[in-house]
Amino acid sequence: MVYGVMEGYFHWYFPGRTVIHATLTNKGVGMAPFHEFDQFIDDSIKTELVNIENGIKAGRINTGWPE
């Protein structure tokens, strides 16, 4: 999301005066990679995080935003 906005600005096609809503669906927000700690995170936790993300995207899990 941020990369796309900056790329648009750099290439002179940034629309300006627009509101961008960052969501899991449009990849504007999400979990950061674990990088060098990946080996220490149990696979069951990784699976549950994917399930939670999918539940939010599908509307099965309400985050309270927006109401």
N, C-alpha and C. Protein backbone atom coordinates (compact mmCIF):
# COMPACT_ATOMS: atom_id res chain seq x y z
N MET A 1 0.83 -1.18 0.00
CA MET A 1 0.00 0.00 0.00
C MET A 1 0.88 1.25 0.00
N VAL A 2 1.76 1.36 0.98
CA VAL A 2 2.63 2.54 1.04
C VAL A 2 3.54 2.56 -0.18
N TYR A 3 4.05 1.40 -0.55
CA TYR A 3 4.93 1.34 -1.72
C TYR A 3 4.19 1.84 -2.96
N GLY A 4 2.95 1.41 -3.12
CA GLY A 4 2.17 1.83 -4.29
C GLY A 4 1.94 3.33 -4.32
N VAL A 5 1.66 3.92 -3.16
CA VAL A 5 1.46 5.37 -3.09
C VAL A 5 2.75 6.09 -3.45
N MET A 6 3.85 5.65 -2.90
CA MET A 6 5.14 6.30 -3.17
C MET A 6 5.54 6.12 -4.63
N GLU A 7 5.29 4.94 -5.17
CA GLU A 7 5.60 4.70 -6.57
C GLU A 7 4.77 5.62 -7.47
N GLY A 8 3.49 5.79 -7.12
CA GLY A 8 2.65 6.70 -7.88
C GLY A 8 3.15 8.12 -7.83
N TYR A 9 3.58 8.56 -6.67
CA TYR A 9 4.13 9.90 -6.52
C TYR A 9 5.38 10.06 -7.38
N PHE A 10 6.25 9.07 -7.34
CA PHE A 10 7.51 9.11 -8.09
C PHE A 10 7.26 9.16 -9.60
N HIS A 11 6.24 8.45 -10.07
CA HIS A 11 5.95 8.38 -11.50
C HIS A 11 4.88 9.38 -11.94
N TRP A 12 4.55 10.32 -11.08
CA TRP A 12 3.63 11.41 -11.39
C TRP A 12 2.22 10.95 -11.69
N TYR A 13 1.77 9.85 -11.08
CA TYR A 13 0.37 9.47 -11.26
C TYR A 13 -0.35 9.30 -9.93
N PHE A 14 0.17 9.94 -8.90
CA PHE A 14 -0.50 9.92 -7.61
C PHE A 14 -1.76 10.79 -7.71
N PRO A 15 -2.95 10.22 -7.43
CA PRO A 15 -4.19 10.96 -7.64
C PRO A 15 -4.39 12.13 -6.68
N GLY A 16 -3.84 12.06 -5.50
CA GLY A 16 -4.02 13.13 -4.52
C GLY A 16 -5.47 13.30 -4.13
N ARG A 17 -5.70 13.98 -3.04
CA ARG A 17 -7.04 14.26 -2.54
C ARG A 17 -7.93 13.03 -2.51
N THR A 18 -7.34 11.91 -2.25
CA THR A 18 -8.11 10.67 -2.15
C THR A 18 -7.90 10.08 -0.76
N VAL A 19 -8.84 9.28 -0.36
CA VAL A 19 -8.74 8.57 0.91
C VAL A 19 -8.46 7.11 0.59
N ILE A 20 -7.43 6.59 1.17
CA ILE A 20 -7.07 5.19 0.95
C ILE A 20 -7.35 4.43 2.25
N HIS A 21 -8.20 3.43 2.16
CA HIS A 21 -8.51 2.60 3.32
C HIS A 21 -7.68 1.33 3.23
N ALA A 22 -6.73 1.20 4.13
CA ALA A 22 -5.87 0.03 4.15
C ALA A 22 -6.58 -1.10 4.88
N THR A 23 -6.69 -2.23 4.20
CA THR A 23 -7.35 -3.40 4.78
C THR A 23 -6.51 -4.65 4.53
N LEU A 24 -6.90 -5.74 5.16
CA LEU A 24 -6.25 -7.01 4.87
C LEU A 24 -6.51 -7.42 3.43
N THR A 25 -7.72 -7.16 2.96
CA THR A 25 -8.10 -7.58 1.60
C THR A 25 -7.27 -6.88 0.54
N ASN A 26 -7.01 -5.58 0.70
CA ASN A 26 -6.23 -4.88 -0.32
C ASN A 26 -4.75 -4.84 0.03
N LYS A 27 -4.36 -5.63 1.04
CA LYS A 27 -2.97 -5.77 1.48
C LYS A 27 -2.37 -4.46 1.99
N GLY A 28 -3.25 -3.60 2.50
CA GLY A 28 -2.78 -2.34 3.07
C GLY A 28 -2.26 -2.52 4.49
N VAL A 29 -2.70 -3.58 5.15
CA VAL A 29 -2.21 -3.93 6.49
C VAL A 29 -2.03 -5.44 6.54
N GLY A 30 -1.30 -5.91 7.50
CA GLY A 30 -1.11 -7.35 7.65
C GLY A 30 -0.04 -7.64 8.67
N MET A 31 0.23 -8.90 8.84
CA MET A 31 1.26 -9.34 9.77
C MET A 31 2.64 -9.14 9.15
N ALA A 32 3.55 -8.68 9.95
CA ALA A 32 4.94 -8.57 9.49
C ALA A 32 5.56 -9.96 9.47
N PRO A 33 6.50 -10.19 8.57
CA PRO A 33 7.17 -11.49 8.55
C PRO A 33 7.98 -11.71 9.83
N PHE A 34 8.19 -12.93 10.18
CA PHE A 34 8.94 -13.26 11.39
C PHE A 34 10.46 -13.17 11.19
N HIS A 35 10.89 -13.17 9.94
CA HIS A 35 12.31 -13.09 9.57
C HIS A 35 13.13 -14.13 10.33
N GLU A 36 14.16 -13.70 11.03
CA GLU A 36 15.07 -14.65 11.67
C GLU A 36 14.44 -15.39 12.86
N PHE A 37 13.25 -14.97 13.29
CA PHE A 37 12.57 -15.63 14.40
C PHE A 37 11.59 -16.71 13.91
N ASP A 38 11.47 -16.86 12.60
CA ASP A 38 10.49 -17.79 12.02
C ASP A 38 10.63 -19.20 12.61
N GLN A 39 11.84 -19.65 12.80
CA GLN A 39 12.07 -21.01 13.31
C GLN A 39 11.57 -21.20 14.74
N PHE A 40 11.37 -20.10 15.45
CA PHE A 40 10.93 -20.18 16.84
C PHE A 40 9.41 -20.11 17.00
N ILE A 41 8.70 -19.83 15.89
CA ILE A 41 7.24 -19.72 15.93
C ILE A 41 6.66 -21.07 15.53
N ASP A 42 5.87 -21.64 16.42
CA ASP A 42 5.26 -22.94 16.18
C ASP A 42 4.32 -22.89 14.98
N ASP A 43 4.30 -23.95 14.20
CA ASP A 43 3.44 -24.01 13.01
C ASP A 43 1.96 -23.85 13.36
N SER A 44 1.56 -24.33 14.53
CA SER A 44 0.15 -24.19 14.92
C SER A 44 -0.22 -22.72 15.10
N ILE A 45 0.71 -21.92 15.58
CA ILE A 45 0.46 -20.48 15.73
C ILE A 45 0.37 -19.82 14.36
N LYS A 46 1.26 -20.18 13.46
CA LYS A 46 1.22 -19.63 12.10
C LYS A 46 -0.10 -19.97 11.43
N THR A 47 -0.55 -21.22 11.61
CA THR A 47 -1.82 -21.65 11.02
C THR A 47 -2.98 -20.85 11.60
N GLU A 48 -2.97 -20.65 12.91
CA GLU A 48 -4.05 -19.89 13.55
C GLU A 48 -4.05 -18.44 13.08
N LEU A 49 -2.89 -17.85 12.88
CA LEU A 49 -2.82 -16.47 12.37
C LEU A 49 -3.41 -16.38 10.96
N VAL A 50 -3.14 -17.37 10.13
CA VAL A 50 -3.73 -17.41 8.79
C VAL A 50 -5.25 -17.55 8.89
N ASN A 51 -5.71 -18.41 9.80
CA ASN A 51 -7.15 -18.59 9.99
C ASN A 51 -7.82 -17.30 10.45
N ILE A 52 -7.18 -16.59 11.35
CA ILE A 52 -7.72 -15.32 11.82
C ILE A 52 -7.78 -14.31 10.68
N GLU A 53 -6.71 -14.21 9.92
CA GLU A 53 -6.70 -13.28 8.77
C GLU A 53 -7.81 -13.62 7.80
N ASN A 54 -7.97 -14.89 7.48
CA ASN A 54 -9.03 -15.30 6.56
C ASN A 54 -10.42 -15.02 7.14
N GLY A 55 -10.57 -15.20 8.44
CA GLY A 55 -11.84 -14.92 9.09
C GLY A 55 -12.20 -13.44 9.05
N ILE A 56 -11.21 -12.60 9.21
CA ILE A 56 -11.45 -11.15 9.11
C ILE A 56 -11.84 -10.78 7.70
N LYS A 57 -11.10 -11.30 6.72
CA LYS A 57 -11.40 -11.00 5.32
C LYS A 57 -12.81 -11.46 4.94
N ALA A 58 -13.21 -12.61 5.45
CA ALA A 58 -14.52 -13.18 5.11
C ALA A 58 -15.66 -12.56 5.92
N GLY A 59 -15.32 -11.74 6.91
CA GLY A 59 -16.35 -11.12 7.73
C GLY A 59 -16.84 -11.98 8.88
N ARG A 60 -16.19 -13.12 9.11
CA ARG A 60 -16.58 -14.00 10.21
C ARG A 60 -16.04 -13.49 11.55
N ILE A 61 -14.97 -12.70 11.51
CA ILE A 61 -14.39 -12.12 12.72
C ILE A 61 -14.53 -10.61 12.62
N ASN A 62 -15.17 -10.03 13.60
CA ASN A 62 -15.39 -8.58 13.62
C ASN A 62 -14.28 -7.93 14.43
N THR A 63 -13.61 -6.98 13.83
CA THR A 63 -12.52 -6.28 14.52
C THR A 63 -13.04 -5.04 15.24
N GLY A 64 -14.28 -4.66 14.97
CA GLY A 64 -14.82 -3.45 15.58
C GLY A 64 -14.53 -2.19 14.79
N TRP A 65 -13.88 -2.35 13.65
CA TRP A 65 -13.56 -1.19 12.82
C TRP A 65 -13.88 -1.49 11.37
N PRO A 66 -14.51 -0.68 10.62
CA PRO A 66 -15.40 0.37 11.12
C PRO A 66 -16.68 -0.27 11.64
N GLU A 67 -17.39 0.47 12.45
CA GLU A 67 -18.63 -0.07 13.02
C GLU A 67 -19.74 -0.07 11.98
